[in-house]
Amino acid sequence: MKTTISSLSPPQLNVLVILRLLIGWHFLYEGAVKLYSSSWSAAGYLNDSQGLFAPMFKAIAANPGLMAAVDFLNTWGLIAVGLGLIVGFLTQAALIGGMILLGLYYLSHPPFISAQYALPSEGSYLWVNKNLIELFAMAVLYVFPTSHIIGLDRLMQRYGQQTKQSSPEEVAA
């Protein structure tokens, strides 16, 4: 039996919307902190990379032009994803963007027992960390989209339907 978003019970829908809002708040807050911190840069985080992709992340950190682009994209990407999730606007795109960011964070700092990072983590991890968990929570939201029921995407969908229903003669009149 295929489950659709419209077949979810109100408590199921409420939990999904709350999850969307919480993740949105997390992204928005992280982006805002970076925006208002004049000394923030991702260079230290990238230089601390380990694992298979560490050389790529360290090369980015060594290039001032790339670092400026990464800092800008990271900050504004977090803000855009957060706002999109909170208000339910372009939610599917926001979820994809958020999953890409979390995937890059995960690849930069893979949770291996032997990995020692400059910043302490909340505990010891073996393959699974908070970035991977949040990435998969966003994947759940992607396959159970709620913004067409609660969010600005609903208004955009209604506007699109009204526009399609208008005949060319009505538009010209």
Foldseek 3Di string as FASTA:
>chain_A
DDDALVNDDVVVLVVLLVLLLVLLVVLQVVLVVLVPDPPDFCLLLLCQFDDDCNVVSNVLSVDVVSRVVCSVCSSVLSNVLSVCSNQVNPNLVSLVSLLVVLVVSCNRHPQPQPRDGPDDDPDHDHRDDPSNVSNVSSVVCNRHPNSCPGHVVVVVVVVVVVVVPDDPVNVVD
